[in-house]
Amino acid sequence: MDDVLTHIPQRTCIGCRQREPRSALVRLVAQQHTVAVDADGVLPGRGAWLHRRRDCLNRALASRACSRHLRTAITDTSGLEEWFDLGSSGAVLEEATKKAGRKPMGAQ
């Protein structure tokens, strides 16, 4: 019984449209007219999935895929671009969650 198959959730990148395991992508959520990176996958609201690569982000921004998939007008993507430029580090994400009035995961 060691050969039991387990289900691995698949998601589609909104930039390159390739299907990958959920763990290979990062979730985006709309917060008013901006996009927030939801690395833990716990923020409420409609989500869209994107590879952690700048080229996928550029494609998604050029085709307005964020607005289309999140079903809201996105006017500010500076926080999202900054997150990708900093190498997907947690510092920007932590700052964004503080601004949203939430504690980062693991905070007591």
Protein backbone atom coordinates (compact mmCIF):
# COMPACT_ATOMS: atom_id res chain seq x y z
CA MET A 1 0.00 0.00 0.00
CA ASP A 2 3.02 2.32 -0.26
CA ASP A 3 1.97 3.22 -3.80
CA VAL A 4 -1.10 5.19 -2.72
CA LEU A 5 -1.63 8.14 -5.02
CA THR A 6 -2.17 11.49 -3.35
CA HIS A 7 -3.97 14.39 -4.93
CA ILE A 8 -1.78 17.42 -5.64
CA PRO A 9 -3.81 20.61 -6.21
CA GLN A 10 -3.11 22.20 -9.59
CA ARG A 11 -3.46 25.89 -10.43
CA THR A 12 -2.97 27.91 -13.63
CA CYS A 13 -0.55 30.83 -13.79
CA ILE A 14 -2.34 33.95 -15.06
CA GLY A 15 0.88 35.09 -16.80
CA CYS A 16 2.00 32.10 -18.85
CA ARG A 17 -1.19 29.96 -18.52
CA GLN A 18 0.77 26.83 -17.51
CA ARG A 19 -0.68 24.44 -14.94
CA GLU A 20 1.56 23.72 -11.99
CA PRO A 21 1.22 22.34 -8.47
CA ARG A 22 -0.19 24.92 -6.09
CA SER A 23 3.11 24.99 -4.19
CA ALA A 24 4.96 26.31 -7.28
CA LEU A 25 2.75 29.40 -7.56
CA VAL A 26 1.94 32.39 -5.38
CA ARG A 27 -1.64 33.54 -4.74
CA LEU A 28 -2.71 37.11 -5.46
CA VAL A 29 -5.78 38.78 -3.96
CA ALA A 30 -7.42 42.12 -4.62
CA GLN A 31 -7.49 44.63 -1.78
CA GLN A 32 -9.51 47.61 -2.92
CA HIS A 33 -7.70 48.70 -6.12
CA THR A 34 -4.34 47.09 -5.38
CA VAL A 35 -3.02 43.54 -5.54
CA ALA A 36 -1.61 41.82 -2.47
CA VAL A 37 0.60 38.74 -2.45
CA ASP A 38 -0.95 36.02 -0.31
CA ALA A 39 2.04 33.71 0.17
CA ASP A 40 0.29 31.75 2.94
CA GLY A 41 -2.95 31.40 0.98
CA VAL A 42 -5.14 32.60 3.85
CA LEU A 43 -6.35 36.07 2.84
CA PRO A 44 -10.06 36.30 2.11
CA GLY A 45 -11.40 37.04 -1.34
CA ARG A 46 -11.03 35.89 -4.88
CA GLY A 47 -7.56 34.73 -5.76
CA ALA A 48 -5.41 34.42 -8.85
CA TRP A 49 -2.22 32.39 -9.16
CA LEU A 50 1.12 33.44 -10.59
CA HIS A 51 4.60 31.93 -10.89
CA ARG A 52 7.26 33.57 -8.75
CA ARG A 53 9.01 34.80 -11.92
CA ARG A 54 9.17 38.39 -13.13
CA ASP A 55 8.43 37.40 -16.75
CA CYS A 56 5.08 35.89 -15.71
CA LEU A 57 4.25 39.06 -13.79
CA ASN A 58 5.13 41.20 -16.82
CA ARG A 59 2.86 39.10 -19.06
CA ALA A 60 0.01 39.30 -16.55
CA LEU A 61 0.34 43.09 -16.27
CA ALA A 62 0.60 43.58 -20.05
CA SER A 63 -2.56 41.57 -20.70
CA ARG A 64 -4.43 43.04 -17.70
CA ALA A 65 -4.91 39.49 -16.41
CA CYS A 66 -4.90 40.62 -12.75
CA SER A 67 -7.99 42.79 -13.23
CA ARG A 68 -9.72 40.15 -15.31
CA HIS A 69 -9.08 37.19 -13.01
CA LEU A 70 -9.68 39.10 -9.77
CA ARG A 71 -12.81 40.65 -11.29
CA THR A 72 -12.03 44.16 -10.10
CA ALA A 73 -10.26 47.21 -11.49
CA ILE A 74 -6.62 47.10 -10.43
CA THR A 75 -5.00 50.53 -10.62
CA ASP A 76 -1.94 50.10 -8.38
CA THR A 77 0.50 47.24 -8.87
CA SER A 78 3.53 48.90 -7.26
CA GLY A 79 3.45 46.67 -4.16
CA LEU A 80 3.22 43.55 -6.30
CA GLU A 81 6.11 44.66 -8.53
CA GLU A 82 8.19 45.53 -5.47
CA TRP A 83 7.57 42.06 -4.01
CA PHE A 84 8.82 40.43 -7.21
CA ASP A 85 11.81 42.80 -7.48
CA LEU A 86 12.95 41.94 -3.95
CA GLY A 87 13.15 38.28 -4.85
CA SER A 88 9.82 37.28 -3.29
CA SER A 89 11.14 37.95 0.21
CA GLY A 90 8.83 37.99 3.18
CA ALA A 91 9.71 41.56 4.23
CA VAL A 92 7.34 43.24 1.78
CA LEU A 93 4.64 40.68 2.47
CA GLU A 94 4.92 41.26 6.21
CA GLU A 95 4.68 45.02 5.72
CA ALA A 96 1.62 44.60 3.47
CA THR A 97 -0.16 42.44 6.02
CA LYS A 98 0.57 44.97 8.76
CA LYS A 99 -0.98 47.71 6.61
CA ALA A 100 -4.03 45.53 6.05
CA GLY A 101 -4.53 45.27 9.82
CA ARG A 102 -3.53 41.62 10.06
CA LYS A 103 -0.78 39.96 11.99
CA PRO A 104 1.71 37.97 9.96
CA MET A 105 1.36 34.22 10.30
CA GLY A 106 3.20 32.92 13.34
CA ALA A 107 2.95 36.21 15.25
CA GLN A 108 1.63 35.92 18.78
